[in-house]
Amino acid sequence: MLPTVLDLASLKDAYASGSANPVGVIDAVVDRIEASSDKAVFISVFSRGVLEAEARALMARAPEPNSLPLWGIPFAVKDNIDVAGLPTTAACPAFQYAPAADAHAVARLREAGALVV
């Protein structure tokens, strides 16, 4: 079972011990998002299938737990920062557009092994 607070230290420890893997963590994160009573917290979210595929791709690219600085660490992005595959809206539908690429910061986090939800 994952801790309530998914901080870097506890996730890295869980990955190192083999008690968790990125696919399981992503499933837990999606479960928590779906169970939230405040649906406005996340304006846009990748589907569970897309997130699981990203976690599996990370495990194929870097199979050793914690082999990248942010290996398997889920993160959210404010919707005024570009994430390829999610609309950038700045919480205003009139400003919405579909970015072709991630913002530089998002790309660097992904390169480091983090998983954007």
Protein backbone atom coordinates (compact mmCIF):
# COMPACT_ATOMS: atom_id res chain seq x y z
CA MET A 1 0.00 0.00 0.00
CA LEU A 2 1.25 3.46 -0.89
CA PRO A 3 1.48 6.22 1.69
CA THR A 4 -1.14 8.96 1.64
CA VAL A 5 1.47 11.57 0.78
CA LEU A 6 3.54 10.57 -2.23
CA ASP A 7 6.75 12.45 -1.53
CA LEU A 8 10.05 11.87 -3.30
CA ALA A 9 11.69 9.99 -0.43
CA SER A 10 8.84 7.54 0.16
CA LEU A 11 8.39 6.82 -3.55
CA LYS A 12 12.12 6.31 -4.10
CA ASP A 13 12.21 3.94 -1.08
CA ALA A 14 9.18 2.01 -2.35
CA TYR A 15 10.75 1.68 -5.79
CA ALA A 16 14.11 0.61 -4.35
CA SER A 17 12.51 -2.05 -2.14
CA GLY A 18 10.35 -3.37 -4.99
CA SER A 19 7.15 -2.71 -3.05
CA ALA A 20 5.94 -0.33 -5.79
CA ASN A 21 6.47 0.30 -9.48
CA PRO A 22 5.50 3.24 -11.71
CA VAL A 23 2.44 1.49 -13.19
CA GLY A 24 1.03 0.78 -9.72
CA VAL A 25 1.76 4.32 -8.58
CA ILE A 26 0.04 5.77 -11.64
CA ASP A 27 -3.00 3.56 -10.98
CA ALA A 28 -3.12 4.83 -7.39
CA VAL A 29 -2.81 8.45 -8.53
CA VAL A 30 -5.63 8.02 -11.07
CA ASP A 31 -7.78 6.32 -8.40
CA ARG A 32 -7.19 9.29 -6.09
CA ILE A 33 -8.02 11.80 -8.82
CA GLU A 34 -11.23 9.93 -9.69
CA ALA A 35 -12.22 9.73 -6.01
CA SER A 36 -11.70 13.45 -5.40
CA SER A 37 -14.83 15.37 -4.51
CA ASP A 38 -13.38 18.52 -6.11
CA LYS A 39 -13.41 17.82 -9.85
CA ALA A 40 -11.99 21.31 -10.58
CA VAL A 41 -8.56 20.37 -9.19
CA PHE A 42 -7.57 18.74 -12.47
CA ILE A 43 -8.88 20.48 -15.60
CA SER A 44 -7.27 17.99 -17.98
CA VAL A 45 -5.86 14.56 -17.24
CA PHE A 46 -4.40 11.88 -19.47
CA SER A 47 -6.46 8.68 -19.50
CA ARG A 48 -5.42 5.79 -17.27
CA GLY A 49 -4.37 3.86 -20.38
CA VAL A 50 -2.11 6.64 -21.63
CA LEU A 51 -0.56 7.09 -18.18
CA GLU A 52 0.02 3.35 -17.77
CA ALA A 53 1.65 3.24 -21.22
CA GLU A 54 3.95 6.13 -20.21
CA ALA A 55 4.90 4.29 -17.01
CA ARG A 56 5.62 1.10 -18.96
CA ALA A 57 7.68 3.06 -21.49
CA LEU A 58 9.72 4.54 -18.66
CA MET A 59 10.34 1.06 -17.22
CA ALA A 60 11.46 -0.16 -20.67
CA ARG A 61 13.72 2.87 -21.21
CA ALA A 62 15.24 2.77 -17.73
CA PRO A 63 14.44 -0.62 -16.15
CA GLU A 64 16.47 -0.15 -12.98
CA PRO A 65 14.41 1.60 -10.25
CA ASN A 66 15.70 5.07 -9.41
CA SER A 67 18.15 4.97 -12.33
CA LEU A 68 16.97 8.44 -13.37
CA PRO A 69 16.73 11.35 -10.90
CA LEU A 70 12.89 11.45 -10.96
CA TRP A 71 12.23 7.83 -12.01
CA GLY A 72 8.49 7.17 -11.72
CA ILE A 73 7.64 10.37 -9.86
CA PRO A 74 4.17 11.62 -10.88
CA PHE A 75 3.66 15.35 -11.30
CA ALA A 76 0.93 17.77 -12.32
CA VAL A 77 1.31 20.86 -14.50
CA LYS A 78 -0.66 24.08 -14.33
CA ASP A 79 -2.75 24.40 -17.48
CA ASN A 80 -0.96 27.54 -18.64
CA ILE A 81 2.21 25.49 -19.27
CA ASP A 82 2.33 23.38 -22.44
CA VAL A 83 2.05 19.61 -22.18
CA ALA A 84 1.84 17.81 -25.52
CA GLY A 85 -1.42 15.89 -25.65
CA LEU A 86 -3.29 18.10 -23.17
CA PRO A 87 -4.97 21.43 -23.90
CA THR A 88 -3.33 24.58 -22.64
CA THR A 89 -6.16 26.77 -21.35
CA ALA A 90 -4.96 29.03 -18.51
CA ALA A 91 -8.37 28.08 -17.05
CA CYS A 92 -10.05 30.05 -19.83
CA PRO A 93 -11.71 28.13 -22.67
CA ALA A 94 -11.28 31.11 -25.02
CA PHE A 95 -7.48 30.78 -24.70
CA GLN A 96 -7.40 27.01 -25.31
CA TYR A 97 -4.99 25.53 -27.82
CA ALA A 98 -3.35 22.15 -28.39
CA PRO A 99 0.43 22.41 -28.00
CA ALA A 100 2.53 20.34 -30.37
CA ALA A 101 5.33 19.92 -27.83
CA ASP A 102 6.02 20.08 -24.12
CA ALA A 103 7.30 23.26 -22.52
CA HIS A 104 11.03 23.02 -21.85
CA ALA A 105 10.50 22.46 -18.11
CA VAL A 106 8.02 19.63 -18.73
CA ALA A 107 10.35 18.01 -21.26
CA ARG A 108 13.24 18.13 -18.77
CA LEU A 109 11.12 16.55 -16.03
CA ARG A 110 10.09 13.75 -18.39
CA GLU A 111 13.72 13.22 -19.43
CA ALA A 112 14.56 12.82 -15.73
CA GLY A 113 11.95 10.03 -15.47
CA ALA A 114 8.99 11.93 -14.05
CA LEU A 115 5.46 11.06 -15.24
CA VAL A 116 3.09 13.93 -16.03
CA VAL A 117 -0.54 13.25 -15.10
